[in-house]
Amino acid sequence: EMGAGLESIHSLVYCGNGIVLAGGGSGNNDGDIYKSTNFGDTWSSISISGELESILSLVYCGNGIVFAGGGYGFSNGDIYKSTNFGATWTTSYNGPAEFETIHSLVYCGNGIVLAGGGNTGNDADIYRSTDFGVTWTKIEMGNTLISIHSLVYCGNGIVLAGSGINPGTGDIYRSTDFGITWTQIEMGAGLESIHSLVYCGNGIVLAGGG
């Protein structure tokens, strides 16, 4: 039981030693982090911001460092950072006023964190940090891309991003330089979005579309 007022759990991440974090929220200023220290048997709520609508993405980078991607509607697309396994949080990136959501996060090692944003209005770009979120650089993904739903790191600098929100826009973008440059891989005319990606080793990647 996570509480009577919680409508959705959008993201989960395991941080080791029984510590699990969950990102909640549904667009009604209930975007909180829930933390368990006993493999999910019990949970406590941790508020990040009173006006945050949802925590859509989480990634653990080791040494207690966790990033959370916020958003749901207009101007909520911020990135939050914890250095103590989710006990407390600070704003790592305050997105521009028109930026809506951080759908996805991935850690590529050596302090490199990538965040995938967007929701409407062709604002889908990658935000890249090489210093564990101290600074961020916007990587332009093109002026027609609406949303980056998923990210996965495959090793050796290879990162994949799943995009799309409308019919024909569900494609994969591939980087071989830790997210600096990207190449589009067409997935078919009828696919709307790539919501999930997982790397299985030996070059095998699975993508969940719809």
Protein backbone atom coordinates (compact mmCIF):
# COMPACT_ATOMS: atom_id res chain seq x y z
CA GLU A 1 0.00 0.00 0.00
CA MET A 2 1.52 3.31 -1.16
CA GLY A 3 -1.18 5.70 0.06
CA ALA A 4 -4.75 6.53 -0.79
CA GLY A 5 -3.96 9.58 -2.93
CA LEU A 6 -1.37 8.05 -5.25
CA GLU A 7 -2.66 7.32 -8.75
CA SER A 8 0.39 6.13 -10.70
CA ILE A 9 3.89 4.70 -10.31
CA HIS A 10 5.81 5.69 -13.45
CA SER A 11 9.34 4.57 -12.62
CA LEU A 12 11.38 2.26 -10.40
CA VAL A 13 15.09 1.92 -9.72
CA TYR A 14 17.13 -0.42 -7.51
CA CYS A 15 20.09 1.15 -5.70
CA GLY A 16 21.55 -1.91 -3.96
CA ASN A 17 21.42 -3.06 -0.34
CA GLY A 18 17.64 -3.39 -0.43
CA ILE A 19 17.07 0.25 -1.40
CA VAL A 20 14.36 0.80 -4.03
CA LEU A 21 12.99 4.13 -5.26
CA ALA A 22 9.66 4.68 -7.00
CA GLY A 23 8.50 7.75 -8.89
CA GLY A 24 4.84 8.64 -8.52
CA GLY A 25 2.34 11.24 -9.61
CA SER A 26 -0.54 11.84 -11.98
CA GLY A 27 -0.56 15.55 -12.75
CA ASN A 28 -2.11 16.83 -9.52
CA ASN A 29 1.05 18.11 -7.77
CA ASP A 30 1.59 14.64 -6.31
CA GLY A 31 4.94 13.93 -7.95
CA ASP A 32 6.83 12.40 -5.06
CA ILE A 33 9.57 9.81 -4.56
CA TYR A 34 8.80 6.70 -2.53
CA LYS A 35 11.69 4.92 -0.86
CA SER A 36 12.04 1.41 0.51
CA THR A 37 15.05 0.10 2.40
CA ASN A 38 13.77 -3.49 2.66
CA PHE A 39 13.32 -4.58 -0.96
CA GLY A 40 9.86 -3.00 -1.25
CA ASP A 41 8.16 -4.41 1.85
CA THR A 42 7.52 -0.93 3.28
CA TRP A 43 7.72 2.56 1.79
CA SER A 44 8.11 6.17 2.90
CA SER A 45 7.19 9.26 0.87
CA ILE A 46 9.82 11.90 0.04
CA SER A 47 8.55 15.20 -1.37
CA ILE A 48 10.76 16.92 -3.95
CA SER A 49 8.60 19.93 -4.79
CA GLY A 50 5.08 20.92 -3.89
CA GLU A 51 4.26 21.78 -7.51
CA LEU A 52 5.81 18.73 -9.19
CA GLU A 53 3.23 16.69 -11.10
CA SER A 54 5.01 13.41 -11.81
CA ILE A 55 8.33 11.58 -11.52
CA LEU A 56 8.55 9.85 -14.88
CA SER A 57 12.10 8.48 -14.82
CA LEU A 58 14.80 7.39 -12.38
CA VAL A 59 18.39 6.21 -12.80
CA TYR A 60 20.98 5.08 -10.26
CA CYS A 61 24.61 5.99 -10.97
CA GLY A 62 26.35 4.36 -8.02
CA ASN A 63 27.78 5.79 -4.77
CA GLY A 64 24.33 6.93 -3.66
CA ILE A 65 23.80 9.19 -6.70
CA VAL A 66 20.29 9.08 -8.20
CA PHE A 67 18.62 11.25 -10.83
CA ALA A 68 14.88 11.78 -11.21
CA GLY A 69 13.10 13.21 -14.25
CA GLY A 70 10.00 15.28 -13.60
CA GLY A 71 7.11 16.56 -15.64
CA TYR A 72 3.62 15.92 -16.87
CA GLY A 73 2.42 19.18 -18.30
CA PHE A 74 3.73 22.56 -19.31
CA SER A 75 7.09 23.72 -17.81
CA ASN A 76 7.55 20.71 -15.49
CA GLY A 77 10.52 19.14 -17.28
CA ASP A 78 13.23 19.34 -14.63
CA ILE A 79 15.95 16.94 -13.44
CA TYR A 80 16.54 16.30 -9.75
CA LYS A 81 19.61 14.79 -8.08
CA SER A 82 20.19 12.91 -4.85
CA THR A 83 23.59 11.99 -3.44
CA ASN A 84 22.27 9.96 -0.49
CA PHE A 85 20.18 7.20 -2.05
CA GLY A 86 17.10 9.40 -2.46
CA ALA A 87 16.85 10.77 1.09
CA THR A 88 17.15 14.40 -0.07
CA TRP A 89 17.00 16.04 -3.50
CA THR A 90 18.22 19.18 -5.26
CA THR A 91 17.44 20.57 -8.73
CA SER A 92 20.14 19.48 -11.17
CA TYR A 93 18.59 21.01 -14.30
CA ASN A 94 15.80 23.56 -14.41
CA GLY A 95 14.29 23.24 -17.86
CA PRO A 96 13.11 26.21 -19.93
CA ALA A 97 9.55 27.44 -19.49
CA GLU A 98 8.25 25.58 -22.54
CA PHE A 99 9.90 22.26 -21.63
CA GLU A 100 7.37 19.66 -20.52
CA THR A 101 8.77 16.31 -19.43
CA ILE A 102 11.87 14.19 -18.77
CA HIS A 103 10.62 10.77 -19.91
CA SER A 104 13.88 8.87 -19.72
CA LEU A 105 17.28 8.80 -18.04
CA VAL A 106 20.34 6.60 -18.54
CA TYR A 107 23.78 6.42 -16.96
CA CYS A 108 26.67 5.62 -19.31
CA GLY A 109 29.51 5.51 -16.79
CA ASN A 110 32.29 8.01 -16.03
CA GLY A 111 29.83 10.67 -14.89
CA ILE A 112 27.92 10.71 -18.19
CA VAL A 113 24.13 10.99 -17.76
CA LEU A 114 21.63 11.39 -20.59
CA ALA A 115 18.07 12.65 -20.24
CA GLY A 116 15.36 12.36 -22.89
CA GLY A 117 12.69 15.03 -22.96
CA GLY A 118 9.65 16.29 -24.78
CA ASN A 119 5.92 15.75 -24.90
CA THR A 120 4.31 18.07 -27.45
CA GLY A 121 5.41 20.90 -29.69
CA ASN A 122 8.51 19.22 -31.20
CA ASP A 123 10.59 19.78 -28.03
CA ALA A 124 12.22 16.33 -27.92
CA ASP A 125 15.93 16.67 -27.30
CA ILE A 126 18.65 14.87 -25.35
CA TYR A 127 20.26 16.61 -22.40
CA ARG A 128 23.77 15.42 -21.61
CA SER A 129 25.96 15.75 -18.54
CA THR A 130 29.55 14.58 -18.17
CA ASP A 131 29.94 15.56 -14.50
CA PHE A 132 27.13 13.71 -12.71
CA GLY A 133 24.59 16.44 -13.38
CA VAL A 134 26.57 19.52 -12.32
CA THR A 135 26.20 20.95 -15.84
CA TRP A 136 24.01 19.94 -18.79
CA THR A 137 24.29 20.43 -22.56
CA LYS A 138 21.34 20.29 -24.94
CA ILE A 139 21.81 17.90 -27.88
CA GLU A 140 19.47 18.90 -30.70
CA MET A 141 17.56 15.95 -32.13
CA GLY A 142 15.75 17.81 -34.92
CA ASN A 143 12.76 20.14 -35.09
CA THR A 144 10.15 17.48 -35.84
CA LEU A 145 10.81 15.04 -32.99
CA ILE A 146 8.15 15.23 -30.28
CA SER A 147 9.30 12.93 -27.47
CA ILE A 148 12.18 10.71 -26.28
CA HIS A 149 10.42 7.97 -24.29
CA SER A 150 13.27 5.57 -23.60
CA LEU A 151 17.05 5.34 -23.40
CA VAL A 152 19.41 2.39 -23.00
CA TYR A 153 23.19 2.14 -22.78
CA CYS A 154 24.76 -0.84 -24.56
CA GLY A 155 28.41 -0.31 -23.68
CA ASN A 156 31.36 1.03 -25.70
CA GLY A 157 29.70 4.42 -26.11
CA ILE A 158 26.59 3.00 -27.81
CA VAL A 159 23.28 4.51 -26.69
CA LEU A 160 19.81 3.96 -28.15
CA ALA A 161 16.84 6.29 -27.81
CA GLY A 162 13.19 5.44 -28.47
CA SER A 163 11.01 8.21 -29.86
CA GLY A 164 7.54 8.97 -31.08
CA ILE A 165 4.03 9.97 -30.09
CA ASN A 166 2.07 10.05 -33.38
CA PRO A 167 1.63 7.47 -36.18
CA GLY A 168 4.85 7.00 -38.12
CA THR A 169 7.09 8.73 -35.55
CA GLY A 170 8.14 5.68 -33.52
CA ASP A 171 11.79 5.34 -34.44
CA ILE A 172 15.11 4.44 -32.80
CA TYR A 173 17.99 6.89 -32.63
CA ARG A 174 21.51 5.50 -32.20
CA SER A 175 24.66 7.12 -30.85
CA THR A 176 28.16 5.63 -30.82
CA ASP A 177 29.83 8.50 -28.93
CA PHE A 178 28.01 8.52 -25.60
CA GLY A 179 25.13 10.65 -26.90
CA ILE A 180 26.96 13.46 -28.67
CA THR A 181 25.68 12.63 -32.17
CA TRP A 182 22.71 10.53 -33.28
CA THR A 183 21.54 8.60 -36.34
CA GLN A 184 17.88 7.79 -37.01
CA ILE A 185 16.85 4.17 -37.59
CA GLU A 186 13.44 3.87 -39.26
CA MET A 187 11.15 1.36 -37.55
CA GLY A 188 8.17 1.39 -39.93
CA ALA A 189 5.50 3.79 -41.11
CA GLY A 190 2.75 2.72 -38.71
CA LEU A 191 4.61 2.70 -35.40
CA GLU A 192 3.65 5.51 -33.02
CA SER A 193 6.25 5.26 -30.25
CA ILE A 194 9.07 3.25 -28.69
CA HIS A 195 8.23 3.27 -24.99
CA SER A 196 10.85 0.84 -23.69
CA LEU A 197 14.31 -0.48 -24.52
CA VAL A 198 16.49 -3.14 -22.92
CA TYR A 199 19.98 -4.38 -23.74
CA CYS A 200 20.52 -8.14 -23.34
CA GLY A 201 24.21 -8.38 -24.21
CA ASN A 202 25.99 -9.64 -27.34
CA GLY A 203 24.44 -6.87 -29.44
CA ILE A 204 20.86 -7.91 -28.67
CA VAL A 205 18.38 -5.11 -27.95
CA LEU A 206 14.63 -5.37 -27.49
CA ALA A 207 12.22 -2.45 -28.06
CA GLY A 208 8.63 -2.16 -26.91
CA GLY A 209 6.42 -0.12 -29.25
CA GLY A 210 2.83 0.97 -29.57
